[in-house]
N, C-alpha and C. Protein backbone atom coordinates (compact mmCIF):
# COMPACT_ATOMS: atom_id res chain seq x y z
N MET A 1 116.31 58.39 57.46
CA MET A 1 117.14 59.18 58.35
C MET A 1 117.19 60.61 57.85
N SER A 2 117.10 61.57 58.77
CA SER A 2 117.13 62.98 58.38
C SER A 2 118.29 63.69 59.06
N THR A 3 118.63 64.86 58.58
CA THR A 3 119.76 65.64 59.10
C THR A 3 119.26 66.95 59.67
N LEU A 4 119.68 67.27 60.88
CA LEU A 4 119.35 68.54 61.51
C LEU A 4 120.61 69.39 61.50
N LYS A 5 120.52 70.57 60.90
CA LYS A 5 121.68 71.47 60.82
C LYS A 5 121.38 72.73 61.63
N VAL A 6 122.20 72.97 62.67
CA VAL A 6 122.05 74.17 63.50
C VAL A 6 123.44 74.67 63.86
N SER A 7 123.53 75.93 64.26
CA SER A 7 124.82 76.46 64.69
C SER A 7 124.94 76.49 66.21
N THR A 8 123.80 76.54 66.90
CA THR A 8 123.84 76.59 68.37
C THR A 8 122.64 75.86 68.95
N ILE A 9 122.87 75.07 69.99
CA ILE A 9 121.79 74.45 70.75
C ILE A 9 121.91 74.96 72.18
N GLU A 10 120.83 75.52 72.71
CA GLU A 10 120.84 76.05 74.07
C GLU A 10 119.66 75.47 74.84
N PRO A 11 119.79 75.36 76.19
CA PRO A 11 118.64 74.88 76.97
C PRO A 11 117.54 75.93 77.02
N LEU A 12 116.36 75.49 77.37
CA LEU A 12 115.24 76.40 77.53
C LEU A 12 115.53 77.42 78.63
N ASP A 13 114.98 78.62 78.49
CA ASP A 13 115.16 79.63 79.53
C ASP A 13 114.61 79.17 80.87
N SER A 14 113.59 78.32 80.84
CA SER A 14 112.97 77.83 82.08
C SER A 14 113.76 76.70 82.73
N ASP A 15 114.79 76.19 82.04
CA ASP A 15 115.60 75.09 82.57
C ASP A 15 116.71 75.65 83.45
N THR A 16 116.52 75.57 84.77
CA THR A 16 117.50 76.14 85.70
C THR A 16 118.75 75.29 85.83
N THR A 17 118.73 74.06 85.31
CA THR A 17 119.91 73.19 85.40
C THR A 17 120.83 73.36 84.20
N ASN A 18 120.37 74.11 83.17
CA ASN A 18 121.17 74.30 81.95
C ASN A 18 121.61 72.96 81.36
N THR A 19 120.67 72.02 81.31
CA THR A 19 120.96 70.68 80.80
C THR A 19 120.35 70.47 79.43
N ILE A 20 121.13 69.92 78.52
CA ILE A 20 120.64 69.56 77.19
C ILE A 20 120.76 68.04 77.07
N THR A 21 119.67 67.37 76.76
CA THR A 21 119.66 65.92 76.63
C THR A 21 119.55 65.54 75.16
N ILE A 22 120.44 64.69 74.71
CA ILE A 22 120.40 64.19 73.33
C ILE A 22 120.17 62.69 73.41
N GLY A 23 119.05 62.23 72.90
CA GLY A 23 118.73 60.81 72.94
C GLY A 23 118.20 60.39 74.30
N SER A 24 117.98 59.08 74.45
CA SER A 24 117.49 58.49 75.68
C SER A 24 118.41 57.37 76.10
N ALA A 25 118.22 56.87 77.32
CA ALA A 25 119.04 55.77 77.82
C ALA A 25 118.98 54.61 76.84
N GLY A 26 120.14 54.08 76.49
CA GLY A 26 120.22 52.96 75.56
C GLY A 26 120.43 53.37 74.12
N ASP A 27 120.24 54.65 73.80
CA ASP A 27 120.45 55.13 72.43
C ASP A 27 121.94 55.18 72.11
N ALA A 28 122.28 54.92 70.88
CA ALA A 28 123.66 55.08 70.40
C ALA A 28 123.78 56.44 69.76
N ILE A 29 124.74 57.24 70.20
CA ILE A 29 124.98 58.58 69.66
C ILE A 29 126.29 58.51 68.87
N ASN A 30 126.23 58.80 67.58
CA ASN A 30 127.42 58.78 66.74
C ASN A 30 127.89 60.21 66.49
N LEU A 31 129.14 60.49 66.81
CA LEU A 31 129.72 61.81 66.57
C LEU A 31 130.74 61.68 65.44
N ALA A 32 130.43 62.29 64.31
CA ALA A 32 131.30 62.16 63.14
C ALA A 32 132.43 63.18 63.14
N GLY A 33 132.23 64.30 63.82
CA GLY A 33 133.24 65.35 63.83
C GLY A 33 134.00 65.41 65.13
N THR A 34 134.73 66.50 65.31
CA THR A 34 135.49 66.73 66.54
C THR A 34 134.65 67.52 67.51
N VAL A 35 134.58 67.05 68.74
CA VAL A 35 133.80 67.73 69.77
C VAL A 35 134.78 68.47 70.66
N SER A 36 134.65 69.81 70.73
CA SER A 36 135.54 70.58 71.58
C SER A 36 134.92 70.75 72.95
N GLY A 37 135.77 70.99 73.95
CA GLY A 37 135.28 71.20 75.30
C GLY A 37 134.96 69.92 76.04
N VAL A 38 135.25 68.77 75.44
CA VAL A 38 135.00 67.49 76.10
C VAL A 38 136.36 66.84 76.38
N GLY A 39 136.47 66.20 77.52
CA GLY A 39 137.74 65.58 77.89
C GLY A 39 138.46 66.43 78.92
N ILE A 40 139.77 66.31 78.97
CA ILE A 40 140.56 67.05 79.95
C ILE A 40 140.62 68.51 79.53
N THR A 41 140.13 69.38 80.41
CA THR A 41 140.12 70.82 80.12
C THR A 41 141.16 71.59 80.92
N VAL A 42 141.72 70.95 81.96
CA VAL A 42 142.80 71.57 82.73
C VAL A 42 143.85 70.50 83.02
N ALA A 43 145.09 70.76 82.64
CA ALA A 43 146.24 69.94 83.01
C ALA A 43 147.38 70.92 83.28
N ASP A 44 147.72 71.09 84.55
CA ASP A 44 148.67 72.13 84.94
C ASP A 44 149.75 71.53 85.83
N GLU A 45 150.96 72.06 85.70
CA GLU A 45 152.10 71.51 86.44
C GLU A 45 152.92 72.64 87.04
N TRP A 46 153.31 72.47 88.30
CA TRP A 46 154.12 73.45 89.02
C TRP A 46 155.32 72.74 89.63
N ARG A 47 156.35 73.52 89.99
CA ARG A 47 157.52 72.92 90.60
C ARG A 47 158.17 73.88 91.59
N LEU A 48 158.93 73.29 92.49
CA LEU A 48 159.74 74.03 93.44
C LEU A 48 161.03 74.45 92.73
N THR A 49 161.42 75.72 92.85
CA THR A 49 162.57 76.23 92.09
C THR A 49 163.83 76.39 92.93
N SER A 50 163.70 76.31 94.24
CA SER A 50 164.85 76.48 95.11
C SER A 50 164.78 75.43 96.22
N ALA A 51 165.91 74.77 96.50
CA ALA A 51 165.92 73.71 97.51
C ALA A 51 165.35 74.21 98.83
N PHE A 52 164.55 73.37 99.45
CA PHE A 52 163.84 73.73 100.68
C PHE A 52 164.34 72.84 101.80
N THR A 53 165.17 73.40 102.70
CA THR A 53 165.68 72.64 103.84
C THR A 53 164.67 72.75 104.97
N PHE A 54 164.32 71.62 105.55
CA PHE A 54 163.26 71.64 106.56
C PHE A 54 163.73 70.99 107.85
N ASN A 55 163.11 71.39 108.93
CA ASN A 55 163.45 70.90 110.26
C ASN A 55 162.36 70.00 110.79
N ASN A 56 162.41 69.68 112.07
CA ASN A 56 161.43 68.79 112.67
C ASN A 56 160.01 69.31 112.49
N GLY A 57 159.08 68.38 112.23
CA GLY A 57 157.67 68.73 112.13
C GLY A 57 157.21 68.92 110.71
N VAL A 58 155.99 69.47 110.57
CA VAL A 58 155.35 69.70 109.28
C VAL A 58 155.58 71.14 108.85
N GLN A 59 156.07 71.31 107.62
CA GLN A 59 156.32 72.66 107.11
C GLN A 59 155.72 72.80 105.71
N PRO A 60 154.67 73.61 105.57
CA PRO A 60 154.10 73.85 104.24
C PRO A 60 155.11 74.56 103.34
N ILE A 61 155.06 74.25 102.05
CA ILE A 61 155.87 74.97 101.06
C ILE A 61 155.11 76.26 100.73
N THR A 62 155.72 77.39 101.00
CA THR A 62 155.02 78.67 100.85
C THR A 62 155.62 79.59 99.79
N ALA A 63 156.77 79.23 99.23
CA ALA A 63 157.45 80.12 98.28
C ALA A 63 158.24 79.31 97.26
N ASN A 64 158.82 80.05 96.30
CA ASN A 64 159.68 79.46 95.27
C ASN A 64 158.95 78.41 94.44
N LEU A 65 157.74 78.73 94.03
CA LEU A 65 156.95 77.86 93.16
C LEU A 65 156.74 78.54 91.82
N GLU A 66 156.89 77.78 90.74
CA GLU A 66 156.64 78.32 89.41
C GLU A 66 155.85 77.34 88.58
N ARG A 67 155.07 77.90 87.65
CA ARG A 67 154.38 77.05 86.67
C ARG A 67 155.44 76.54 85.69
N VAL A 68 155.40 75.26 85.39
CA VAL A 68 156.39 74.65 84.50
C VAL A 68 156.39 75.38 83.16
N ASP A 69 157.60 75.76 82.69
CA ASP A 69 157.69 76.57 81.47
C ASP A 69 158.85 76.17 80.56
N THR A 70 159.37 74.97 80.73
CA THR A 70 160.50 74.52 79.91
C THR A 70 159.99 73.73 78.71
N ALA A 71 160.32 74.18 77.51
CA ALA A 71 159.89 73.48 76.30
C ALA A 71 160.57 72.11 76.24
N PRO A 72 159.87 71.06 75.82
CA PRO A 72 158.53 71.06 75.25
C PRO A 72 157.42 70.78 76.26
N GLN A 73 157.66 70.99 77.56
CA GLN A 73 156.60 70.80 78.53
C GLN A 73 155.46 71.77 78.26
N GLY A 74 154.25 71.39 78.63
CA GLY A 74 153.11 72.26 78.35
C GLY A 74 151.95 72.01 79.28
N GLN A 75 150.91 72.78 79.10
CA GLN A 75 149.71 72.69 79.91
C GLN A 75 148.47 72.77 79.03
N ILE A 76 147.33 72.43 79.64
CA ILE A 76 146.03 72.56 78.97
C ILE A 76 145.16 73.46 79.83
N GLY A 77 144.53 74.43 79.22
CA GLY A 77 143.53 75.24 79.92
C GLY A 77 144.11 76.32 80.80
N THR A 78 143.25 76.83 81.67
CA THR A 78 143.60 77.93 82.57
C THR A 78 144.49 77.44 83.70
N ALA A 79 145.48 78.24 84.05
CA ALA A 79 146.44 77.85 85.08
C ALA A 79 145.83 77.89 86.47
N MET A 80 146.36 77.04 87.34
CA MET A 80 146.13 77.19 88.78
C MET A 80 146.74 78.52 89.20
N SER A 81 146.27 79.06 90.30
CA SER A 81 146.93 80.24 90.86
C SER A 81 147.40 79.88 92.26
N VAL A 82 148.48 80.53 92.70
CA VAL A 82 149.06 80.19 94.00
C VAL A 82 149.42 81.47 94.74
N SER A 83 149.16 81.48 96.04
CA SER A 83 149.51 82.60 96.91
C SER A 83 150.00 82.01 98.23
N SER A 84 151.25 82.30 98.58
CA SER A 84 151.87 81.78 99.80
C SER A 84 151.73 80.27 99.91
N GLY A 85 151.83 79.59 98.78
CA GLY A 85 151.78 78.14 98.74
C GLY A 85 150.39 77.54 98.67
N VAL A 86 149.35 78.36 98.74
CA VAL A 86 147.97 77.87 98.67
C VAL A 86 147.50 77.95 97.23
N PHE A 87 147.07 76.80 96.66
CA PHE A 87 146.65 76.74 95.27
C PHE A 87 145.14 76.88 95.15
N THR A 88 144.72 77.76 94.22
CA THR A 88 143.31 77.96 93.90
C THR A 88 143.03 77.38 92.52
N PHE A 89 141.92 76.67 92.39
CA PHE A 89 141.55 76.01 91.14
C PHE A 89 140.87 76.99 90.18
N PRO A 90 141.10 76.84 88.87
CA PRO A 90 140.52 77.78 87.90
C PRO A 90 139.03 77.53 87.64
N SER A 91 138.54 76.33 87.95
CA SER A 91 137.14 75.99 87.72
C SER A 91 136.76 74.82 88.61
N THR A 92 135.45 74.64 88.80
CA THR A 92 134.99 73.50 89.60
C THR A 92 135.23 72.20 88.84
N GLY A 93 135.15 71.09 89.54
CA GLY A 93 135.33 69.78 88.93
C GLY A 93 136.08 68.85 89.84
N TYR A 94 136.24 67.60 89.38
CA TYR A 94 137.07 66.63 90.09
C TYR A 94 138.48 66.71 89.53
N TYR A 95 139.46 66.89 90.41
CA TYR A 95 140.85 67.05 89.99
C TYR A 95 141.71 65.92 90.57
N LEU A 96 142.53 65.32 89.72
CA LEU A 96 143.57 64.41 90.17
C LEU A 96 144.79 65.26 90.52
N ILE A 97 145.29 65.09 91.74
CA ILE A 97 146.45 65.85 92.20
C ILE A 97 147.60 64.89 92.46
N ASN A 98 148.76 65.21 91.89
CA ASN A 98 149.96 64.40 92.02
C ASN A 98 151.06 65.28 92.63
N TYR A 99 151.73 64.76 93.64
CA TYR A 99 152.78 65.51 94.34
C TYR A 99 154.01 64.62 94.44
N ILE A 100 155.13 65.10 93.92
CA ILE A 100 156.39 64.38 93.97
C ILE A 100 157.38 65.17 94.82
N VAL A 101 157.96 64.52 95.82
CA VAL A 101 158.98 65.14 96.66
C VAL A 101 160.31 64.45 96.37
N ALA A 102 161.25 65.17 95.77
CA ALA A 102 162.61 64.67 95.59
C ALA A 102 163.41 65.18 96.79
N TYR A 103 164.08 64.29 97.49
CA TYR A 103 164.72 64.70 98.73
C TYR A 103 166.17 64.22 98.81
N ALA A 104 166.92 64.87 99.70
CA ALA A 104 168.29 64.46 100.00
C ALA A 104 168.56 64.76 101.46
N SER A 105 169.40 63.92 102.09
CA SER A 105 169.75 64.14 103.49
C SER A 105 171.07 63.47 103.80
N SER A 106 171.85 64.09 104.67
CA SER A 106 173.12 63.51 105.12
C SER A 106 173.01 63.01 106.56
N THR A 107 171.82 63.11 107.14
CA THR A 107 171.62 62.61 108.51
C THR A 107 170.47 61.62 108.51
N GLN A 108 170.43 60.79 109.53
CA GLN A 108 169.34 59.83 109.66
C GLN A 108 168.05 60.58 109.95
N ALA A 109 167.00 60.28 109.19
CA ALA A 109 165.76 61.02 109.38
C ALA A 109 164.59 60.30 108.75
N TYR A 110 163.41 60.60 109.25
CA TYR A 110 162.18 60.26 108.56
C TYR A 110 161.81 61.45 107.70
N ILE A 111 161.43 61.19 106.47
CA ILE A 111 161.05 62.27 105.56
C ILE A 111 159.70 61.92 104.95
N GLY A 112 158.82 62.89 104.88
CA GLY A 112 157.51 62.65 104.31
C GLY A 112 156.98 63.86 103.56
N GLY A 113 155.96 63.62 102.77
CA GLY A 113 155.27 64.69 102.07
C GLY A 113 153.79 64.59 102.37
N ILE A 114 153.09 65.71 102.27
CA ILE A 114 151.67 65.75 102.58
C ILE A 114 150.94 66.63 101.56
N ILE A 115 149.84 66.13 101.03
CA ILE A 115 148.89 66.97 100.29
C ILE A 115 147.83 67.38 101.31
N GLN A 116 147.66 68.67 101.50
CA GLN A 116 146.68 69.18 102.45
C GLN A 116 145.58 69.91 101.70
N GLY A 117 144.35 69.81 102.20
CA GLY A 117 143.23 70.45 101.52
C GLY A 117 142.24 71.07 102.48
N THR A 118 141.44 71.98 101.96
CA THR A 118 140.43 72.65 102.77
C THR A 118 139.15 72.82 101.96
N THR A 119 138.02 72.82 102.66
CA THR A 119 136.73 73.11 102.01
C THR A 119 136.16 74.43 102.51
N ASN A 120 136.92 75.13 103.36
CA ASN A 120 136.43 76.41 103.90
C ASN A 120 137.52 77.48 103.91
N ASN A 121 138.30 77.50 102.84
CA ASN A 121 139.33 78.51 102.62
C ASN A 121 140.35 78.58 103.76
N GLY A 122 140.68 77.43 104.34
CA GLY A 122 141.74 77.37 105.33
C GLY A 122 141.30 77.52 106.77
N ALA A 123 140.01 77.71 107.02
CA ALA A 123 139.55 77.85 108.40
C ALA A 123 139.77 76.57 109.20
N ASP A 124 139.85 75.43 108.52
CA ASP A 124 140.09 74.15 109.20
C ASP A 124 141.57 73.79 109.27
N ASN A 125 142.44 74.75 108.89
CA ASN A 125 143.89 74.59 108.98
C ASN A 125 144.44 73.46 108.10
N TYR A 126 143.79 73.20 106.98
CA TYR A 126 144.31 72.29 105.95
C TYR A 126 144.61 70.87 106.45
N PRO A 127 143.57 70.06 106.63
CA PRO A 127 143.79 68.66 107.02
C PRO A 127 144.54 67.89 105.92
N SER A 128 145.18 66.79 106.34
CA SER A 128 145.93 65.95 105.42
C SER A 128 144.99 65.15 104.53
N LEU A 129 145.28 65.13 103.22
CA LEU A 129 144.52 64.33 102.25
C LEU A 129 145.32 63.10 101.81
N ALA A 130 146.63 63.24 101.73
CA ALA A 130 147.51 62.12 101.35
C ALA A 130 148.85 62.35 102.05
N ARG A 131 149.43 61.26 102.56
CA ARG A 131 150.63 61.42 103.38
C ARG A 131 151.44 60.13 103.37
N GLY A 132 152.75 60.24 103.46
CA GLY A 132 153.60 59.06 103.53
C GLY A 132 155.00 59.43 103.96
N PHE A 133 155.81 58.42 104.30
CA PHE A 133 157.14 58.66 104.83
C PHE A 133 158.16 57.72 104.21
N ASP A 134 159.42 58.13 104.32
CA ASP A 134 160.55 57.29 103.98
C ASP A 134 161.59 57.49 105.08
N ARG A 135 162.41 56.49 105.30
CA ARG A 135 163.44 56.61 106.34
C ARG A 135 164.80 56.58 105.68
N ILE A 136 165.63 57.56 106.03
CA ILE A 136 166.99 57.64 105.51
C ILE A 136 167.97 57.18 106.58
N GLN A 137 168.79 56.22 106.24
CA GLN A 137 169.87 55.76 107.13
C GLN A 137 171.18 56.32 106.57
N ALA A 138 171.42 57.58 106.80
CA ALA A 138 172.59 58.25 106.23
C ALA A 138 173.71 58.32 107.26
N GLY A 139 174.91 58.32 106.78
CA GLY A 139 176.07 58.46 107.65
C GLY A 139 176.96 59.57 107.15
N SER A 140 178.07 59.20 106.53
CA SER A 140 179.00 60.21 106.02
C SER A 140 178.68 60.62 104.59
N VAL A 141 177.63 60.03 104.01
CA VAL A 141 177.26 60.38 102.65
C VAL A 141 175.84 60.92 102.63
N THR A 142 175.52 61.65 101.58
CA THR A 142 174.17 62.17 101.41
C THR A 142 173.36 61.19 100.58
N LEU A 143 172.23 60.79 101.10
CA LEU A 143 171.34 59.87 100.41
C LEU A 143 170.08 60.62 99.98
N GLY A 144 169.41 60.07 98.98
CA GLY A 144 168.19 60.73 98.52
C GLY A 144 167.26 59.77 97.82
N GLY A 145 166.14 60.29 97.41
CA GLY A 145 165.13 59.51 96.71
C GLY A 145 163.95 60.39 96.40
N PHE A 146 162.81 59.77 96.16
CA PHE A 146 161.62 60.56 95.92
C PHE A 146 160.40 59.84 96.45
N LEU A 147 159.39 60.62 96.77
CA LEU A 147 158.11 60.14 97.29
C LEU A 147 157.02 60.65 96.37
N VAL A 148 155.98 59.83 96.15
CA VAL A 148 154.88 60.21 95.26
C VAL A 148 153.56 60.07 96.00
N TYR A 149 152.73 61.09 95.90
CA TYR A 149 151.42 61.10 96.55
C TYR A 149 150.37 61.50 95.52
N GLU A 150 149.16 60.93 95.63
CA GLU A 150 148.07 61.28 94.74
C GLU A 150 146.74 61.27 95.49
N THR A 151 145.83 62.09 95.04
CA THR A 151 144.46 62.06 95.55
C THR A 151 143.57 62.74 94.52
N ILE A 152 142.27 62.52 94.64
CA ILE A 152 141.27 63.21 93.81
C ILE A 152 140.49 64.14 94.71
N VAL A 153 140.38 65.39 94.30
CA VAL A 153 139.69 66.41 95.09
C VAL A 153 138.44 66.88 94.35
N ASP A 154 137.33 66.96 95.07
CA ASP A 154 136.07 67.47 94.53
C ASP A 154 136.05 68.98 94.76
N VAL A 155 136.33 69.74 93.71
CA VAL A 155 136.34 71.20 93.81
C VAL A 155 134.93 71.69 93.46
N SER A 156 134.10 71.75 94.47
CA SER A 156 132.72 72.18 94.28
C SER A 156 132.57 73.69 94.40
N ASP A 157 133.60 74.35 94.93
CA ASP A 157 133.57 75.80 95.15
C ASP A 157 135.01 76.31 95.08
N THR A 158 135.33 77.07 94.04
CA THR A 158 136.72 77.51 93.85
C THR A 158 137.16 78.55 94.89
N SER A 159 136.23 79.16 95.58
CA SER A 159 136.59 80.14 96.61
C SER A 159 136.99 79.48 97.92
N ASN A 160 136.51 78.27 98.15
CA ASN A 160 136.73 77.63 99.44
C ASN A 160 137.54 76.34 99.39
N VAL A 161 137.47 75.58 98.28
CA VAL A 161 138.22 74.34 98.17
C VAL A 161 139.61 74.66 97.60
N LYS A 162 140.63 74.46 98.41
CA LYS A 162 141.99 74.78 98.01
C LYS A 162 142.94 73.71 98.56
N VAL A 163 144.15 73.67 98.01
CA VAL A 163 145.15 72.71 98.49
C VAL A 163 146.50 73.39 98.67
N ARG A 164 147.31 72.75 99.47
CA ARG A 164 148.70 73.16 99.61
C ARG A 164 149.54 71.90 99.85
N PHE A 165 150.85 72.06 99.82
CA PHE A 165 151.75 70.92 99.90
C PHE A 165 152.76 71.16 101.02
N ALA A 166 153.07 70.09 101.76
CA ALA A 166 153.96 70.23 102.91
C ALA A 166 155.01 69.13 102.90
N ILE A 167 156.07 69.37 103.68
CA ILE A 167 157.14 68.42 103.93
C ILE A 167 157.12 68.12 105.43
N GLU A 168 157.47 66.89 105.79
CA GLU A 168 157.51 66.53 107.20
C GLU A 168 158.77 65.73 107.48
N SER A 169 159.43 66.00 108.62
CA SER A 169 160.65 65.28 108.97
C SER A 169 160.89 65.32 110.47
N ASN A 170 161.69 64.37 110.95
CA ASN A 170 162.16 64.42 112.33
C ASN A 170 163.64 64.79 112.38
N GLY A 171 164.20 65.15 111.24
CA GLY A 171 165.62 65.51 111.16
C GLY A 171 165.79 67.02 111.03
N THR A 172 167.05 67.45 110.95
CA THR A 172 167.33 68.89 110.88
C THR A 172 168.03 69.31 109.59
N SER A 173 168.33 68.34 108.72
CA SER A 173 169.05 68.74 107.51
C SER A 173 168.45 68.24 106.20
N PRO A 174 167.35 67.47 106.19
CA PRO A 174 166.82 67.04 104.89
C PRO A 174 166.40 68.24 104.05
N SER A 175 166.46 68.07 102.75
CA SER A 175 166.01 69.14 101.87
C SER A 175 165.21 68.56 100.70
N ALA A 176 164.20 69.31 100.29
CA ALA A 176 163.46 68.99 99.08
C ALA A 176 164.24 69.57 97.91
N GLN A 177 164.56 68.75 96.93
CA GLN A 177 165.37 69.17 95.80
C GLN A 177 164.52 69.96 94.80
N ALA A 178 165.15 70.89 94.10
CA ALA A 178 164.39 71.81 93.26
C ALA A 178 165.21 72.26 92.06
N SER A 179 164.50 72.78 91.07
CA SER A 179 165.13 73.31 89.86
C SER A 179 164.12 74.18 89.13
N SER A 180 164.62 75.18 88.41
CA SER A 180 163.74 76.00 87.57
C SER A 180 163.78 75.56 86.11
N SER A 181 164.53 74.48 85.81
CA SER A 181 164.63 74.02 84.42
C SER A 181 164.18 72.58 84.22
N GLU A 182 163.90 71.87 85.32
CA GLU A 182 163.40 70.50 85.23
C GLU A 182 162.57 70.20 86.48
N ASN A 183 161.69 69.23 86.38
CA ASN A 183 160.86 68.86 87.53
C ASN A 183 161.65 67.99 88.49
N GLN A 184 161.72 68.44 89.73
CA GLN A 184 162.26 67.62 90.81
C GLN A 184 161.14 67.48 91.85
N THR A 185 161.01 68.41 92.78
CA THR A 185 159.82 68.45 93.63
C THR A 185 158.75 69.19 92.84
N SER A 186 157.62 68.53 92.57
CA SER A 186 156.63 69.12 91.66
C SER A 186 155.21 68.73 92.03
N MET A 187 154.25 69.48 91.47
CA MET A 187 152.82 69.28 91.71
C MET A 187 152.09 69.28 90.38
N ARG A 188 151.13 68.36 90.21
CA ARG A 188 150.38 68.28 88.96
C ARG A 188 148.89 68.27 89.27
N PHE A 189 148.13 68.99 88.44
CA PHE A 189 146.68 69.11 88.61
C PHE A 189 146.00 68.75 87.28
N ILE A 190 145.14 67.74 87.28
CA ILE A 190 144.43 67.34 86.07
C ILE A 190 142.94 67.28 86.37
N ARG A 191 142.16 68.07 85.65
CA ARG A 191 140.70 68.07 85.83
C ARG A 191 140.12 66.86 85.09
N LEU A 192 139.47 65.98 85.85
CA LEU A 192 138.94 64.74 85.28
C LEU A 192 137.53 64.88 84.75
N GLY A 193 136.73 65.77 85.34
CA GLY A 193 135.34 65.92 84.92
C GLY A 193 134.58 66.85 85.84
N ASP A 194 133.30 67.00 85.56
CA ASP A 194 132.46 67.92 86.33
C ASP A 194 132.15 67.38 87.72
N THR A 195 131.97 68.30 88.66
CA THR A 195 131.57 67.92 90.00
C THR A 195 130.05 67.77 90.07
């Protein structure tokens, strides 16, 4: 057995795929040290900071969003960016998206949350990727709960593949609960691997 010591391995200039192959199918590759840049490279979390009261129909969340910043909460990698509620990904890849809607209502209503996505920077008006509902049978008291939605998005182009989050109801007084010091209504983005 011999040892190869190098500081950098790069693909050939003629290799347009920028692929480096180590070993062949069936080979066992032993890594004795720590490999950086492998595994989860983006884990980002955002939350709604001000309660959002919504009326009949679908209403995207367009404001009062912040990147989670309460210790000891943390993130990995480059942050998502958001403009008017539309989230842009920092890099291509497959992303697991988690959306939690904490809600309260004093009237009878259907309440739902929606993860919406686009592959053409919103020209398709953000079709639904994940959606669900809960029914509140409220009377003289305010009732609440939470809804959880998840999906995996293939971000093949960071300029065109984007997501946003919406609330849906048939009532006039439900509200999405919010806080700037803890997660109530929140969004999570985890990059699982390359596209």
